[in-house]
Amino acid sequence: MHPFDLHSVLLAKHAQHVALVHFPIALFLIGVAFDFAAQRTRRGDFATVARYNLILAALFVVPVAITGLVAWQWALEGARPKGVLLLHLGFGSASTVLVLLVGWAHLRSLRKPELPLPGFRLPLEAVSVVLVALTGHLGGFVSGVSV
C-alpha cells in the first residue's frame, strides 16, 4: 500500500474511525482541562474556551461512534465482539454517552445563561476523562498499534 494512495487510505476497513477518533478526544480533554482551570481561577475566558471545546467534542463524537460501529461490522462481518473488542465497544459506548451529556450541559448553559452549569459536571467530566482514556487505550490494542 502506497502512503499517498487515497483510495486505499480512505477505504481501509477501519481507517475512518482511527483517523477521526483523535479529534473529539483532544477537544474533550482540553475542554475539561479548561473547565477545571476556569473553576479554580474564576476566569470567564477559560470557561468560554471549555464550553466551546466540550460542545464541539460532543458534536464530533457522533461520527466517531458511527464509524466505530461500521468498522466493527465491516472488519468482523458482524461477528459477536469478545475480549478487548467487547471492552472497547462497551467503554466507547459509555464514553460517547458521557461526552454527549457533558456537551449538552454546556450547550444548555450557553443557550440559557440564566441556568447555571450543574454542580456535578466536574466529577462527571473527571470520570469521563478516565473512561475516554481507557477506551483509547483499548482501541490501540484493537487496531494493533499497542501490540
N, C-alpha and C. Protein backbone atom coordinates (compact mmCIF):
# COMPACT_ATOMS: atom_id res chain seq x y z
N MET A 1 0.85 -1.18 0.00
CA MET A 1 0.00 0.00 0.00
C MET A 1 0.89 1.24 0.00
N HIS A 2 0.64 2.13 -0.90
CA HIS A 2 1.39 3.38 -1.01
C HIS A 2 0.78 4.40 -0.05
N PRO A 3 1.61 5.15 0.71
CA PRO A 3 1.06 6.08 1.71
C PRO A 3 0.25 7.22 1.12
N PHE A 4 0.42 7.53 -0.17
CA PHE A 4 -0.32 8.62 -0.77
C PHE A 4 -1.44 8.15 -1.68
N ASP A 5 -1.77 6.88 -1.62
CA ASP A 5 -2.86 6.32 -2.41
C ASP A 5 -4.17 6.55 -1.64
N LEU A 6 -4.90 7.61 -2.01
CA LEU A 6 -6.10 7.99 -1.27
C LEU A 6 -7.16 6.90 -1.28
N HIS A 7 -7.28 6.16 -2.35
CA HIS A 7 -8.29 5.11 -2.43
C HIS A 7 -8.07 4.07 -1.34
N SER A 8 -6.85 3.60 -1.19
CA SER A 8 -6.59 2.57 -0.18
C SER A 8 -6.64 3.15 1.23
N VAL A 9 -6.28 4.42 1.40
CA VAL A 9 -6.32 5.03 2.73
C VAL A 9 -7.75 5.26 3.17
N LEU A 10 -8.58 5.82 2.29
CA LEU A 10 -9.96 6.15 2.67
C LEU A 10 -10.87 4.94 2.75
N LEU A 11 -10.55 3.88 2.04
CA LEU A 11 -11.42 2.71 2.03
C LEU A 11 -10.87 1.54 2.83
N ALA A 12 -9.84 1.76 3.64
CA ALA A 12 -9.37 0.70 4.54
C ALA A 12 -10.49 0.37 5.51
N LYS A 13 -10.49 -0.84 6.03
CA LYS A 13 -11.65 -1.31 6.79
C LYS A 13 -11.96 -0.49 8.04
N HIS A 14 -10.97 0.11 8.67
CA HIS A 14 -11.27 0.91 9.86
C HIS A 14 -10.58 2.26 9.84
N ALA A 15 -10.15 2.71 8.68
CA ALA A 15 -9.36 3.94 8.58
C ALA A 15 -10.13 5.17 9.05
N GLN A 16 -11.38 5.26 8.74
CA GLN A 16 -12.14 6.45 9.10
C GLN A 16 -12.23 6.60 10.62
N HIS A 17 -12.53 5.53 11.31
CA HIS A 17 -12.65 5.59 12.76
C HIS A 17 -11.31 5.97 13.39
N VAL A 18 -10.26 5.32 12.95
CA VAL A 18 -8.94 5.56 13.52
C VAL A 18 -8.48 6.99 13.25
N ALA A 19 -8.82 7.52 12.10
CA ALA A 19 -8.42 8.89 11.76
C ALA A 19 -9.27 9.93 12.49
N LEU A 20 -10.55 9.68 12.65
CA LEU A 20 -11.45 10.67 13.26
C LEU A 20 -11.40 10.71 14.78
N VAL A 21 -11.06 9.61 15.41
CA VAL A 21 -11.23 9.49 16.85
C VAL A 21 -10.37 10.48 17.65
N HIS A 22 -9.24 10.88 17.10
CA HIS A 22 -8.33 11.73 17.86
C HIS A 22 -8.87 13.15 18.05
N PHE A 23 -9.66 13.62 17.12
CA PHE A 23 -10.16 14.99 17.19
C PHE A 23 -11.11 15.22 18.38
N PRO A 24 -12.17 14.42 18.56
CA PRO A 24 -13.02 14.67 19.72
C PRO A 24 -12.34 14.35 21.04
N ILE A 25 -11.39 13.40 21.03
CA ILE A 25 -10.67 13.12 22.27
C ILE A 25 -9.88 14.36 22.69
N ALA A 26 -9.16 14.95 21.74
CA ALA A 26 -8.38 16.15 22.06
C ALA A 26 -9.27 17.31 22.49
N LEU A 27 -10.36 17.53 21.77
CA LEU A 27 -11.29 18.59 22.15
C LEU A 27 -11.83 18.38 23.55
N PHE A 28 -12.20 17.15 23.85
CA PHE A 28 -12.79 16.86 25.16
C PHE A 28 -11.76 17.04 26.28
N LEU A 29 -10.56 16.48 26.12
CA LEU A 29 -9.56 16.58 27.18
C LEU A 29 -9.15 18.02 27.43
N ILE A 30 -8.95 18.79 26.37
CA ILE A 30 -8.60 20.20 26.54
C ILE A 30 -9.77 20.97 27.14
N GLY A 31 -10.99 20.65 26.71
CA GLY A 31 -12.16 21.30 27.29
C GLY A 31 -12.29 21.06 28.77
N VAL A 32 -12.06 19.83 29.19
CA VAL A 32 -12.14 19.52 30.63
C VAL A 32 -11.03 20.24 31.39
N ALA A 33 -9.82 20.26 30.82
CA ALA A 33 -8.72 20.97 31.49
C ALA A 33 -9.06 22.45 31.67
N PHE A 34 -9.62 23.06 30.63
CA PHE A 34 -10.00 24.47 30.74
C PHE A 34 -11.17 24.67 31.70
N ASP A 35 -12.08 23.71 31.78
CA ASP A 35 -13.21 23.84 32.71
C ASP A 35 -12.71 23.78 34.15
N PHE A 36 -11.80 22.88 34.43
CA PHE A 36 -11.22 22.81 35.78
C PHE A 36 -10.43 24.09 36.08
N ALA A 37 -9.66 24.58 35.09
CA ALA A 37 -8.90 25.81 35.29
C ALA A 37 -9.83 27.00 35.50
N ALA A 38 -10.93 27.04 34.77
CA ALA A 38 -11.91 28.12 34.94
C ALA A 38 -12.54 28.08 36.32
N GLN A 39 -12.82 26.90 36.81
CA GLN A 39 -13.40 26.75 38.14
C GLN A 39 -12.41 27.23 39.21
N ARG A 40 -11.15 26.88 39.02
CA ARG A 40 -10.12 27.23 40.01
C ARG A 40 -9.78 28.72 39.99
N THR A 41 -9.66 29.30 38.79
CA THR A 41 -9.21 30.68 38.66
C THR A 41 -10.35 31.69 38.54
N ARG A 42 -11.55 31.21 38.29
CA ARG A 42 -12.73 32.07 38.09
C ARG A 42 -12.57 32.98 36.87
N ARG A 43 -11.84 32.50 35.86
CA ARG A 43 -11.65 33.28 34.64
C ARG A 43 -12.73 32.91 33.63
N GLY A 44 -13.45 33.91 33.17
CA GLY A 44 -14.53 33.69 32.22
C GLY A 44 -14.04 33.24 30.85
N ASP A 45 -12.85 33.70 30.44
CA ASP A 45 -12.34 33.30 29.15
C ASP A 45 -11.99 31.81 29.14
N PHE A 46 -11.50 31.27 30.26
CA PHE A 46 -11.24 29.84 30.35
C PHE A 46 -12.55 29.06 30.25
N ALA A 47 -13.59 29.57 30.90
CA ALA A 47 -14.89 28.91 30.85
C ALA A 47 -15.46 28.90 29.43
N THR A 48 -15.25 29.99 28.70
CA THR A 48 -15.72 30.06 27.31
C THR A 48 -14.98 29.06 26.43
N VAL A 49 -13.67 28.98 26.59
CA VAL A 49 -12.88 28.01 25.83
C VAL A 49 -13.34 26.59 26.15
N ALA A 50 -13.55 26.32 27.43
CA ALA A 50 -14.02 24.99 27.86
C ALA A 50 -15.36 24.67 27.22
N ARG A 51 -16.28 25.61 27.30
CA ARG A 51 -17.63 25.39 26.79
C ARG A 51 -17.62 25.02 25.31
N TYR A 52 -16.91 25.80 24.50
CA TYR A 52 -16.91 25.53 23.06
C TYR A 52 -16.17 24.24 22.71
N ASN A 53 -15.10 23.94 23.42
CA ASN A 53 -14.39 22.68 23.18
C ASN A 53 -15.27 21.49 23.52
N LEU A 54 -15.98 21.56 24.62
CA LEU A 54 -16.82 20.43 25.04
C LEU A 54 -18.05 20.27 24.14
N ILE A 55 -18.60 21.36 23.66
CA ILE A 55 -19.72 21.27 22.72
C ILE A 55 -19.26 20.67 21.39
N LEU A 56 -18.10 21.12 20.90
CA LEU A 56 -17.57 20.56 19.65
C LEU A 56 -17.21 19.09 19.80
N ALA A 57 -16.66 18.73 20.96
CA ALA A 57 -16.34 17.31 21.20
C ALA A 57 -17.60 16.47 21.14
N ALA A 58 -18.68 16.97 21.70
CA ALA A 58 -19.95 16.23 21.66
C ALA A 58 -20.47 16.10 20.23
N LEU A 59 -20.29 17.13 19.43
CA LEU A 59 -20.72 17.04 18.03
C LEU A 59 -19.89 16.03 17.25
N PHE A 60 -18.59 16.05 17.45
CA PHE A 60 -17.71 15.19 16.66
C PHE A 60 -17.63 13.75 17.18
N VAL A 61 -18.13 13.50 18.38
CA VAL A 61 -18.10 12.13 18.89
C VAL A 61 -19.15 11.26 18.18
N VAL A 62 -20.17 11.87 17.62
CA VAL A 62 -21.22 11.10 16.94
C VAL A 62 -20.68 10.40 15.69
N PRO A 63 -19.98 11.10 14.77
CA PRO A 63 -19.43 10.37 13.62
C PRO A 63 -18.37 9.34 14.03
N VAL A 64 -17.66 9.61 15.10
CA VAL A 64 -16.66 8.64 15.58
C VAL A 64 -17.35 7.36 16.03
N ALA A 65 -18.43 7.50 16.78
CA ALA A 65 -19.17 6.31 17.22
C ALA A 65 -19.75 5.55 16.03
N ILE A 66 -20.27 6.27 15.07
CA ILE A 66 -20.86 5.62 13.89
C ILE A 66 -19.78 4.88 13.10
N THR A 67 -18.63 5.55 12.88
CA THR A 67 -17.57 4.87 12.12
C THR A 67 -16.98 3.70 12.89
N GLY A 68 -17.01 3.76 14.21
CA GLY A 68 -16.56 2.62 15.01
C GLY A 68 -17.47 1.43 14.84
N LEU A 69 -18.77 1.66 14.85
CA LEU A 69 -19.72 0.57 14.64
C LEU A 69 -19.62 0.02 13.22
N VAL A 70 -19.43 0.91 12.25
CA VAL A 70 -19.28 0.46 10.86
C VAL A 70 -18.00 -0.36 10.71
N ALA A 71 -16.91 0.07 11.35
CA ALA A 71 -15.64 -0.67 11.27
C ALA A 71 -15.80 -2.06 11.87
N TRP A 72 -16.52 -2.16 12.97
CA TRP A 72 -16.75 -3.47 13.60
C TRP A 72 -17.55 -4.36 12.66
N GLN A 73 -18.60 -3.82 12.08
CA GLN A 73 -19.43 -4.62 11.17
C GLN A 73 -18.66 -5.02 9.92
N TRP A 74 -17.85 -4.09 9.39
CA TRP A 74 -17.14 -4.33 8.15
C TRP A 74 -15.95 -5.25 8.37
N ALA A 75 -15.15 -4.98 9.39
CA ALA A 75 -13.93 -5.75 9.61
C ALA A 75 -14.23 -7.16 10.11
N LEU A 76 -15.23 -7.30 10.98
CA LEU A 76 -15.54 -8.60 11.56
C LEU A 76 -16.80 -9.21 10.97
N GLU A 77 -17.36 -8.57 9.99
CA GLU A 77 -18.56 -9.05 9.31
C GLU A 77 -19.69 -9.35 10.29
N GLY A 78 -19.83 -8.49 11.30
CA GLY A 78 -20.93 -8.61 12.24
C GLY A 78 -20.76 -9.68 13.29
N ALA A 79 -19.58 -10.29 13.40
CA ALA A 79 -19.36 -11.31 14.42
C ALA A 79 -19.51 -10.70 15.81
N ARG A 80 -19.92 -11.52 16.75
CA ARG A 80 -20.08 -11.03 18.12
C ARG A 80 -18.74 -10.57 18.67
N PRO A 81 -18.70 -9.37 19.25
CA PRO A 81 -17.43 -8.91 19.82
C PRO A 81 -17.12 -9.68 21.09
N LYS A 82 -15.84 -9.92 21.32
CA LYS A 82 -15.42 -10.58 22.55
C LYS A 82 -14.04 -10.06 22.92
N GLY A 83 -13.68 -10.26 24.14
CA GLY A 83 -12.37 -9.84 24.62
C GLY A 83 -12.19 -8.33 24.62
N VAL A 84 -11.04 -7.91 24.11
CA VAL A 84 -10.70 -6.49 24.12
C VAL A 84 -11.67 -5.68 23.26
N LEU A 85 -12.10 -6.24 22.14
CA LEU A 85 -13.07 -5.52 21.30
C LEU A 85 -14.38 -5.27 22.04
N LEU A 86 -14.83 -6.24 22.80
CA LEU A 86 -16.05 -6.07 23.58
C LEU A 86 -15.87 -4.98 24.63
N LEU A 87 -14.72 -4.98 25.30
CA LEU A 87 -14.45 -3.93 26.28
C LEU A 87 -14.39 -2.56 25.60
N HIS A 88 -13.71 -2.49 24.46
CA HIS A 88 -13.62 -1.23 23.72
C HIS A 88 -15.00 -0.75 23.29
N LEU A 89 -15.83 -1.65 22.84
CA LEU A 89 -17.19 -1.29 22.43
C LEU A 89 -18.02 -0.78 23.62
N GLY A 90 -17.91 -1.46 24.75
CA GLY A 90 -18.65 -1.04 25.95
C GLY A 90 -18.17 0.30 26.49
N PHE A 91 -16.85 0.42 26.63
CA PHE A 91 -16.31 1.69 27.13
C PHE A 91 -16.54 2.81 26.12
N GLY A 92 -16.45 2.49 24.84
CA GLY A 92 -16.70 3.51 23.81
C GLY A 92 -18.14 4.00 23.84
N SER A 93 -19.07 3.09 24.04
CA SER A 93 -20.48 3.49 24.14
C SER A 93 -20.71 4.37 25.36
N ALA A 94 -20.15 3.95 26.49
CA ALA A 94 -20.30 4.75 27.71
C ALA A 94 -19.62 6.11 27.56
N SER A 95 -18.44 6.13 26.96
CA SER A 95 -17.74 7.40 26.74
C SER A 95 -18.56 8.33 25.86
N THR A 96 -19.14 7.78 24.82
CA THR A 96 -19.96 8.59 23.90
C THR A 96 -21.12 9.23 24.65
N VAL A 97 -21.80 8.45 25.46
CA VAL A 97 -22.94 8.97 26.22
C VAL A 97 -22.49 10.07 27.18
N LEU A 98 -21.37 9.86 27.88
CA LEU A 98 -20.90 10.85 28.84
C LEU A 98 -20.43 12.13 28.15
N VAL A 99 -19.72 12.00 27.02
CA VAL A 99 -19.28 13.19 26.29
C VAL A 99 -20.50 13.97 25.78
N LEU A 100 -21.51 13.26 25.30
CA LEU A 100 -22.73 13.93 24.86
C LEU A 100 -23.44 14.62 26.03
N LEU A 101 -23.46 13.98 27.18
CA LEU A 101 -24.11 14.57 28.36
C LEU A 101 -23.38 15.84 28.81
N VAL A 102 -22.06 15.80 28.85
CA VAL A 102 -21.27 16.98 29.23
C VAL A 102 -21.47 18.09 28.20
N GLY A 103 -21.42 17.74 26.92
CA GLY A 103 -21.64 18.73 25.87
C GLY A 103 -23.02 19.36 25.95
N TRP A 104 -24.01 18.52 26.24
CA TRP A 104 -25.38 19.03 26.36
C TRP A 104 -25.48 20.02 27.52
N ALA A 105 -24.85 19.72 28.65
CA ALA A 105 -24.90 20.62 29.81
C ALA A 105 -24.29 21.97 29.47
N HIS A 106 -23.19 21.96 28.74
CA HIS A 106 -22.55 23.23 28.37
C HIS A 106 -23.35 23.97 27.29
N LEU A 107 -23.94 23.24 26.37
CA LEU A 107 -24.78 23.87 25.35
C LEU A 107 -26.01 24.51 25.99
N ARG A 108 -26.59 23.82 26.95
CA ARG A 108 -27.76 24.35 27.64
C ARG A 108 -27.43 25.65 28.37
N SER A 109 -26.26 25.70 28.99
CA SER A 109 -25.88 26.93 29.70
C SER A 109 -25.53 28.05 28.73
N LEU A 110 -25.12 27.69 27.52
CA LEU A 110 -24.85 28.71 26.50
C LEU A 110 -26.14 29.29 25.95
N ARG A 111 -27.13 28.43 25.74
CA ARG A 111 -28.41 28.88 25.18
C ARG A 111 -29.27 29.60 26.21
N LYS A 112 -29.17 29.16 27.46
CA LYS A 112 -29.95 29.79 28.54
C LYS A 112 -28.99 30.19 29.66
N PRO A 113 -28.40 31.38 29.53
CA PRO A 113 -27.39 31.81 30.51
C PRO A 113 -27.92 31.91 31.94
N GLU A 114 -29.22 32.03 32.09
CA GLU A 114 -29.78 32.11 33.45
C GLU A 114 -29.71 30.77 34.18
N LEU A 115 -29.53 29.68 33.42
CA LEU A 115 -29.37 28.36 34.03
C LEU A 115 -27.89 28.10 34.27
N PRO A 116 -27.49 27.94 35.52
CA PRO A 116 -26.07 27.69 35.78
C PRO A 116 -25.70 26.25 35.37
N LEU A 117 -24.40 26.05 35.18
CA LEU A 117 -23.93 24.69 34.91
C LEU A 117 -24.19 23.84 36.13
N PRO A 118 -24.55 22.58 35.94
CA PRO A 118 -24.83 21.72 37.10
C PRO A 118 -23.58 21.51 37.95
N GLY A 119 -23.76 21.40 39.24
CA GLY A 119 -22.64 21.23 40.16
C GLY A 119 -21.92 19.91 40.01
N PHE A 120 -22.60 18.92 39.46
CA PHE A 120 -21.98 17.60 39.32
C PHE A 120 -21.15 17.48 38.05
N ARG A 121 -21.03 18.56 37.28
CA ARG A 121 -20.36 18.45 35.98
C ARG A 121 -18.88 18.15 36.11
N LEU A 122 -18.19 18.73 37.09
CA LEU A 122 -16.76 18.48 37.20
C LEU A 122 -16.45 17.02 37.57
N PRO A 123 -17.14 16.42 38.55
CA PRO A 123 -16.91 14.99 38.77
C PRO A 123 -17.29 14.14 37.56
N LEU A 124 -18.36 14.52 36.87
CA LEU A 124 -18.77 13.80 35.66
C LEU A 124 -17.70 13.92 34.58
N GLU A 125 -17.12 15.10 34.43
CA GLU A 125 -16.06 15.30 33.45
C GLU A 125 -14.82 14.49 33.83
N ALA A 126 -14.50 14.42 35.11
CA ALA A 126 -13.33 13.64 35.55
C ALA A 126 -13.52 12.16 35.27
N VAL A 127 -14.70 11.64 35.56
CA VAL A 127 -14.99 10.23 35.26
C VAL A 127 -14.95 10.00 33.75
N SER A 128 -15.46 10.94 33.00
CA SER A 128 -15.46 10.82 31.54
C SER A 128 -14.05 10.79 30.98
N VAL A 129 -13.15 11.58 31.54
CA VAL A 129 -11.76 11.59 31.08
C VAL A 129 -11.12 10.22 31.30
N VAL A 130 -11.37 9.63 32.45
CA VAL A 130 -10.82 8.29 32.73
C VAL A 130 -11.39 7.28 31.75
N LEU A 131 -12.68 7.35 31.52
CA LEU A 131 -13.33 6.41 30.60
C LEU A 131 -12.85 6.59 29.16
N VAL A 132 -12.69 7.83 28.73
CA VAL A 132 -12.17 8.10 27.39
C VAL A 132 -10.74 7.56 27.25
N ALA A 133 -9.93 7.75 28.28
CA ALA A 133 -8.55 7.25 28.25
C ALA A 133 -8.52 5.72 28.17
N LEU A 134 -9.35 5.06 28.96
CA LEU A 134 -9.42 3.60 28.90
C LEU A 134 -9.91 3.11 27.54
N THR A 135 -10.88 3.79 26.99
CA THR A 135 -11.39 3.43 25.67
C THR A 135 -10.31 3.57 24.61
N GLY A 136 -9.58 4.67 24.65
CA GLY A 136 -8.50 4.88 23.69
C GLY A 136 -7.39 3.86 23.85
N HIS A 137 -7.07 3.52 25.08
CA HIS A 137 -6.04 2.52 25.33
C HIS A 137 -6.45 1.17 24.74
N LEU A 138 -7.67 0.78 24.99
CA LEU A 138 -8.17 -0.49 24.42
C LEU A 138 -8.26 -0.43 22.90
N GLY A 139 -8.60 0.74 22.37
CA GLY A 139 -8.65 0.91 20.92
C GLY A 139 -7.29 0.71 20.27
N GLY A 140 -6.24 1.08 20.97
CA GLY A 140 -4.91 0.83 20.46
C GLY A 140 -4.63 -0.66 20.31
N PHE A 141 -5.11 -1.44 21.26
CA PHE A 141 -4.94 -2.89 21.17
C PHE A 141 -5.80 -3.47 20.05
N VAL A 142 -7.01 -2.96 19.90
CA VAL A 142 -7.90 -3.47 18.85
C VAL A 142 -7.31 -3.19 17.46
N SER A 143 -6.72 -2.01 17.29
CA SER A 143 -6.17 -1.66 15.97
C SER A 143 -4.80 -2.27 15.72
N GLY A 144 -4.21 -2.83 16.75
CA GLY A 144 -2.90 -3.45 16.59
C GLY A 144 -1.74 -2.52 16.81
N VAL A 145 -2.00 -1.27 17.19
CA VAL A 145 -0.94 -0.31 17.40
C VAL A 145 -0.17 -0.61 18.68
N SER A 146 -0.86 -1.06 19.71
CA SER A 146 -0.22 -1.28 21.01
C SER A 146 0.34 -2.69 21.18
N VAL A 147 0.29 -3.48 20.15
CA VAL A 147 0.73 -4.87 20.28
C VAL A 147 2.22 -4.96 20.10
